[in-house]
Amino acid sequence: MGTVVVMRGWWQDLTDLVLPADCAGCGAPRTALCPRCRATLDAGVPRRVRPVPEPAGLPVVHAVAPYAAEVRALLLAHKERGALALAGVLGAALAGAVRVGLGEGGAGAGPAGVPGRGPVLLVPVPSARWAVRARGHDPVRRMAFAAAGELRRTGTPARVTAVLRQRRAVADQAGLDARRRLENLAGALEVTPGGGRLLGAGRVVLVDDLMTTGATLAEAARALREAAVSRPGGGTAVYEAITREGREERRTGAHRERREWVHSAPEKAAVNTLGRVQHAAVIAAPCDSFEINRN
């Protein structure tokens, strides 16, 4: 089966180069990606995004553009229709979100590319095995490799550290609300044996193509924290009570810089135990998650 998947991906790469195609974003003829749709990604300014409600344990997430119009079409073409030629431009956009996230500062963050802090470790959110078989490729992993290449090209040491895997089957997330997505994914991911040891070698950034409710990224972050706790010298998980009411943030207690926000109160949210603030980067997120960030 692995050979079939590799051959299918190779054949798709070849046909993308040889056969004329319509723009995956807007349908303009005889171009895989027209200048206007490319500009939509290139001109995107990555910003922090927060879903409503925000799940406990969600890392700081930066997205390039709202999940709408051409951006939505590009992601679906790459993921579901095998438009593999888009991986490069999507990876470059993802690299931009990684850079902005790491450059914001905060506890243990520091700007990307600072010497002595180790490379940026891009940890792709894993696709279900059945989805990889059906699509013939793993879209997030492919974009992660393209993003790592773009970061290295622009002077930031980076590599892909694909240490996450599914430990059990999950239902298709389409059609599930925020609460059901959390239930569906609870405990579904784990770090591969020996993977926790790799996570201490640099600044960890979770990467995915899309954030909707934040449930997937929160579960991936939990798995990484769990691996950090079990790693020798990884420390002990610390939990603090936190609250948020509606769109107004209310802080309770001390140590504000170690707070993670959720919308239901009181909750328990894990403070990152990887020794640095955990970050995530995605291509797109819902429009209202950008609006919350502006207010």
Protein backbone atom coordinates (compact mmCIF):
# COMPACT_ATOMS: atom_id res chain seq x y z
CA MET A 1 0.00 0.00 0.00
CA GLY A 2 2.89 2.35 0.78
CA THR A 3 4.32 1.79 -2.70
CA VAL A 4 0.94 2.57 -4.27
CA VAL A 5 0.72 5.85 -2.35
CA VAL A 6 4.25 6.88 -3.36
CA MET A 7 3.59 6.03 -7.03
CA ARG A 8 0.31 7.94 -6.98
CA GLY A 9 2.05 11.01 -5.54
CA TRP A 10 4.87 10.75 -8.11
CA TRP A 11 2.37 10.45 -10.97
CA GLN A 12 0.43 13.47 -9.71
CA ASP A 13 3.65 15.51 -9.50
CA LEU A 14 4.47 14.56 -13.11
CA THR A 15 1.04 15.39 -14.51
CA ASP A 16 1.04 18.72 -12.65
CA LEU A 17 4.20 19.64 -14.57
CA VAL A 18 3.14 18.36 -18.00
CA LEU A 19 -0.58 18.98 -18.32
CA PRO A 20 -2.14 22.47 -18.38
CA ALA A 21 -4.40 23.15 -15.40
CA ASP A 22 -6.86 25.74 -14.24
CA CYS A 23 -6.06 27.92 -11.27
CA ALA A 24 -6.96 26.02 -8.12
CA GLY A 25 -8.15 29.22 -6.47
CA CYS A 26 -10.35 30.95 -9.02
CA GLY A 27 -10.44 28.66 -12.05
CA ALA A 28 -8.45 30.92 -14.40
CA PRO A 29 -7.39 28.76 -17.37
CA ARG A 30 -3.98 27.25 -18.09
CA THR A 31 -2.26 28.07 -14.82
CA ALA A 32 -2.07 26.05 -11.61
CA LEU A 33 -2.07 29.27 -9.59
CA CYS A 34 -2.87 32.65 -11.12
CA PRO A 35 -1.03 35.84 -10.00
CA ARG A 36 -4.10 37.18 -8.21
CA CYS A 37 -4.59 34.06 -6.07
CA ARG A 38 -0.86 33.85 -5.37
CA ALA A 39 -0.97 37.46 -4.19
CA THR A 40 -3.80 36.57 -1.80
CA LEU A 41 -1.41 34.29 0.07
CA ASP A 42 1.76 36.32 -0.42
CA ALA A 43 0.12 39.52 0.81
CA GLY A 44 -1.46 37.90 3.85
CA VAL A 45 -0.16 39.27 7.15
CA PRO A 46 -0.16 36.44 9.73
CA ARG A 47 -2.06 37.33 12.87
CA ARG A 48 -3.01 35.62 16.08
CA VAL A 49 -6.37 33.87 15.91
CA ARG A 50 -8.67 32.55 18.64
CA PRO A 51 -11.75 30.39 18.12
CA VAL A 52 -14.99 30.82 20.03
CA PRO A 53 -15.13 28.99 22.38
CA GLU A 54 -11.39 28.59 22.88
CA PRO A 55 -10.49 25.09 24.09
CA ALA A 56 -8.29 24.62 27.12
CA GLY A 57 -4.66 24.00 26.26
CA LEU A 58 -4.78 25.68 22.84
CA PRO A 59 -1.33 27.07 22.00
CA VAL A 60 -0.80 30.54 20.58
CA VAL A 61 -2.01 30.20 16.97
CA HIS A 62 -1.12 32.41 14.01
CA ALA A 63 -2.92 32.21 10.67
CA VAL A 64 -2.20 33.77 7.30
CA ALA A 65 -5.70 34.40 5.95
CA PRO A 66 -9.41 33.83 6.60
CA TYR A 67 -10.77 30.51 5.42
CA ALA A 68 -12.86 31.86 2.55
CA ALA A 69 -12.98 32.30 -1.22
CA GLU A 70 -9.69 31.60 -2.99
CA VAL A 71 -7.80 30.49 0.13
CA ARG A 72 -10.42 27.88 0.90
CA ALA A 73 -10.32 26.67 -2.72
CA LEU A 74 -6.52 26.41 -2.68
CA LEU A 75 -6.44 24.37 0.53
CA LEU A 76 -9.13 22.00 -0.71
CA ALA A 77 -7.41 21.59 -4.07
CA HIS A 78 -4.14 20.68 -2.38
CA LYS A 79 -5.69 18.40 0.22
CA GLU A 80 -8.55 16.69 -1.57
CA ARG A 81 -7.76 16.98 -5.28
CA GLY A 82 -4.04 16.33 -5.17
CA ALA A 83 -2.89 19.69 -6.55
CA LEU A 84 0.62 19.00 -5.30
CA ALA A 85 2.14 21.95 -7.17
CA LEU A 86 0.51 24.19 -4.54
CA ALA A 87 2.62 22.77 -1.70
CA GLY A 88 5.43 25.28 -2.30
CA VAL A 89 3.35 28.44 -2.13
CA LEU A 90 1.30 27.11 0.78
CA GLY A 91 4.48 26.13 2.60
CA ALA A 92 5.93 29.61 2.08
CA ALA A 93 2.78 31.15 3.56
CA LEU A 94 2.96 28.75 6.50
CA ALA A 95 6.59 29.74 7.08
CA GLY A 96 5.44 33.35 7.38
CA ALA A 97 2.98 32.41 10.13
CA VAL A 98 5.74 30.50 11.95
CA ARG A 99 8.05 33.50 11.79
CA VAL A 100 5.47 35.96 13.13
CA GLY A 101 4.53 33.62 15.96
CA LEU A 102 8.09 33.11 17.13
CA GLY A 103 8.94 36.77 16.68
CA GLU A 104 6.21 38.03 19.00
CA GLY A 105 8.27 37.46 22.14
CA GLY A 106 6.85 36.23 25.40
CA ALA A 107 8.16 33.68 27.86
CA GLY A 108 10.88 31.67 26.16
CA ALA A 109 9.85 32.63 22.66
CA GLY A 110 12.43 34.92 21.11
CA PRO A 111 12.65 35.88 17.45
CA ALA A 112 13.11 33.19 14.87
CA GLY A 113 16.67 32.47 13.92
CA VAL A 114 18.27 33.67 17.18
CA PRO A 115 21.57 31.77 17.51
CA GLY A 116 21.90 29.31 20.34
CA ARG A 117 18.21 28.53 20.70
CA GLY A 118 18.26 25.53 18.42
CA PRO A 119 16.34 25.03 15.21
CA VAL A 120 12.64 25.56 14.73
CA LEU A 121 10.98 22.15 14.94
CA LEU A 122 7.85 21.98 12.80
CA VAL A 123 5.54 19.27 14.13
CA PRO A 124 2.78 18.52 11.59
CA VAL A 125 -0.62 17.47 12.87
CA PRO A 126 -0.98 13.90 11.56
CA SER A 127 -3.67 12.92 9.10
CA ALA A 128 -5.68 9.76 9.67
CA ARG A 129 -4.20 6.73 7.92
CA TRP A 130 -7.38 6.21 5.91
CA ALA A 131 -7.23 9.83 4.71
CA VAL A 132 -3.61 9.49 3.59
CA ARG A 133 -4.49 6.33 1.68
CA ALA A 134 -7.50 7.95 0.04
CA ARG A 135 -5.66 11.14 -0.94
CA GLY A 136 -2.39 9.51 -1.91
CA HIS A 137 -0.39 11.99 0.19
CA ASP A 138 -0.27 13.71 3.57
CA PRO A 139 -1.02 17.38 2.79
CA VAL A 140 0.05 18.89 6.12
CA ARG A 141 3.32 16.99 6.18
CA ARG A 142 4.04 18.04 2.61
CA MET A 143 3.39 21.71 3.47
CA ALA A 144 5.56 21.40 6.59
CA PHE A 145 8.55 20.27 4.53
CA ALA A 146 8.00 23.17 2.14
CA ALA A 147 7.74 25.59 5.08
CA ALA A 148 10.95 24.24 6.65
CA GLY A 149 12.72 24.73 3.34
CA GLU A 150 11.48 28.31 3.09
CA LEU A 151 12.58 29.08 6.66
CA ARG A 152 16.06 27.70 5.98
CA ARG A 153 16.25 29.66 2.72
CA THR A 154 15.60 32.89 4.62
CA GLY A 155 18.12 32.17 7.38
CA THR A 156 16.10 30.36 10.06
CA PRO A 157 17.33 26.85 10.93
CA ALA A 158 14.27 24.60 10.70
CA ARG A 159 13.35 20.99 10.22
CA VAL A 160 10.25 18.82 10.28
CA THR A 161 9.90 16.64 13.37
CA ALA A 162 6.96 14.36 12.60
CA VAL A 163 6.61 12.78 16.03
CA LEU A 164 2.80 12.80 16.40
CA ARG A 165 0.58 9.88 15.46
CA GLN A 166 -2.97 8.75 16.07
CA ARG A 167 -3.28 6.21 18.84
CA ARG A 168 -6.90 5.41 18.01
CA ALA A 169 -9.36 5.94 15.19
CA VAL A 170 -11.45 9.13 15.21
CA ALA A 171 -14.65 10.02 13.42
CA ASP A 172 -14.71 12.45 10.50
CA GLN A 173 -14.74 15.95 12.01
CA ALA A 174 -16.99 17.43 9.31
CA GLY A 175 -20.36 18.35 10.74
CA LEU A 176 -19.27 18.13 14.39
CA ASP A 177 -19.65 21.16 16.65
CA ALA A 178 -16.88 22.39 18.96
CA ARG A 179 -17.90 20.22 21.92
CA ARG A 180 -18.19 17.05 19.85
CA ARG A 181 -14.87 17.69 18.17
CA LEU A 182 -13.21 17.90 21.56
CA GLU A 183 -14.86 14.64 22.61
CA ASN A 184 -13.94 12.97 19.33
CA LEU A 185 -10.26 13.91 19.64
CA ALA A 186 -9.74 13.55 23.38
CA GLY A 187 -6.69 11.34 23.89
CA ALA A 188 -6.49 10.49 20.19
CA LEU A 189 -2.90 11.60 19.57
CA GLU A 190 0.41 10.52 21.03
CA VAL A 191 4.11 11.07 20.47
CA THR A 192 5.95 8.21 18.80
CA PRO A 193 8.41 6.18 20.91
CA GLY A 194 11.59 8.19 21.21
CA GLY A 195 9.90 11.25 19.75
CA GLY A 196 9.84 13.11 23.04
CA ARG A 197 13.62 13.12 23.06
CA LEU A 198 13.64 15.03 19.74
CA LEU A 199 11.36 17.77 21.04
CA GLY A 200 14.03 19.17 23.34
CA ALA A 201 16.32 20.06 20.43
CA GLY A 202 14.68 23.36 19.46
CA ARG A 203 11.62 25.60 19.41
CA VAL A 204 8.51 23.53 18.79
CA VAL A 205 5.80 24.83 16.47
CA LEU A 206 2.71 22.79 15.65
CA VAL A 207 1.61 23.22 12.04
CA ASP A 208 -1.65 22.45 10.26
CA ASP A 209 -3.43 23.70 7.16
CA LEU A 210 -6.56 24.95 8.94
CA MET A 211 -7.86 25.78 12.39
CA THR A 212 -11.61 25.73 12.91
CA THR A 213 -12.60 25.04 16.54
CA GLY A 214 -9.02 24.56 17.75
CA ALA A 215 -9.79 21.04 19.02
CA THR A 216 -7.14 19.35 16.88
CA LEU A 217 -4.35 21.75 17.84
CA ALA A 218 -5.33 21.56 21.52
CA GLU A 219 -5.15 17.76 21.42
CA ALA A 220 -1.81 17.84 19.60
CA ALA A 221 -0.44 20.27 22.19
CA ARG A 222 -1.65 17.99 24.99
CA ALA A 223 0.21 15.05 23.47
CA LEU A 224 3.42 17.09 23.23
CA ARG A 225 3.09 18.28 26.83
CA GLU A 226 2.53 14.71 27.99
CA ALA A 227 5.66 13.59 26.17
CA ALA A 228 7.64 16.45 27.73
CA VAL A 229 6.52 15.45 31.21
CA SER A 230 7.53 11.82 30.66
CA ARG A 231 10.91 12.81 29.19
CA PRO A 232 13.80 12.76 31.70
CA GLY A 233 14.16 16.30 33.01
CA GLY A 234 10.88 17.29 31.39
CA GLY A 235 9.36 18.58 34.62
CA THR A 236 5.90 18.26 36.08
CA ALA A 237 2.70 19.55 34.53
CA VAL A 238 1.26 22.60 36.28
CA TYR A 239 -2.39 23.62 36.08
CA GLU A 240 -3.94 26.97 36.91
CA ALA A 241 -7.54 28.12 37.12
CA ILE A 242 -8.46 30.55 34.33
CA THR A 243 -11.55 32.29 33.11
CA ARG A 244 -12.93 34.15 30.15
CA GLU A 245 -16.40 35.61 29.74
CA GLY A 246 -17.68 36.23 26.24
CA ARG A 247 -15.26 38.37 24.26
CA GLU A 248 -13.99 40.22 27.33
CA GLU A 249 -10.89 38.74 28.91
CA ARG A 250 -10.84 38.72 32.70
CA ARG A 251 -7.70 37.70 34.49
CA THR A 252 -7.87 36.08 37.93
CA GLY A 253 -4.97 35.60 40.26
CA ALA A 254 -1.30 36.25 39.62
CA HIS A 255 1.32 35.20 37.08
CA ARG A 256 -0.48 36.62 34.06
CA GLU A 257 2.23 35.68 31.63
CA ARG A 258 1.57 31.98 32.29
CA ARG A 259 -2.16 32.19 31.62
CA GLU A 260 -3.95 30.36 28.80
CA TRP A 261 -7.49 31.49 27.95
CA VAL A 262 -10.65 29.49 27.52
CA HIS A 263 -14.27 30.56 27.31
CA SER A 264 -15.80 28.30 29.95
CA ALA A 265 -15.00 29.06 33.57
CA PRO A 266 -13.59 27.82 35.76
CA GLU A 267 -11.47 25.41 33.73
CA LYS A 268 -8.10 23.74 34.06
CA ALA A 269 -5.58 24.58 31.37
CA ALA A 270 -2.16 23.00 31.19
CA VAL A 271 0.77 25.34 31.34
CA ASN A 272 3.28 24.35 28.71
CA THR A 273 5.99 22.06 30.03
CA LEU A 274 8.27 22.06 26.99
CA GLY A 275 10.33 24.80 28.61
CA ARG A 276 8.99 27.47 26.24
CA VAL A 277 5.67 28.86 25.10
CA GLN A 278 4.10 26.51 22.61
CA HIS A 279 3.12 27.97 19.25
CA ALA A 280 1.07 26.82 16.30
CA ALA A 281 0.87 28.08 12.73
CA VAL A 282 -1.82 27.46 10.12
CA ILE A 283 -2.67 28.77 6.68
CA ALA A 284 -6.28 29.70 7.43
CA ALA A 285 -8.82 30.15 10.21
CA PRO A 286 -12.47 31.27 10.38
CA CYS A 287 -13.11 34.96 9.75
CA ASP A 288 -14.53 35.57 13.22
CA SER A 289 -11.37 34.29 14.89
CA PHE A 290 -9.51 37.18 13.21
CA GLU A 291 -12.21 39.63 14.29
CA ILE A 292 -11.80 38.63 17.94
CA ASN A 293 -8.10 39.31 17.67
CA ARG A 294 -8.78 42.84 16.40
CA ASN A 295 -11.17 43.78 19.20
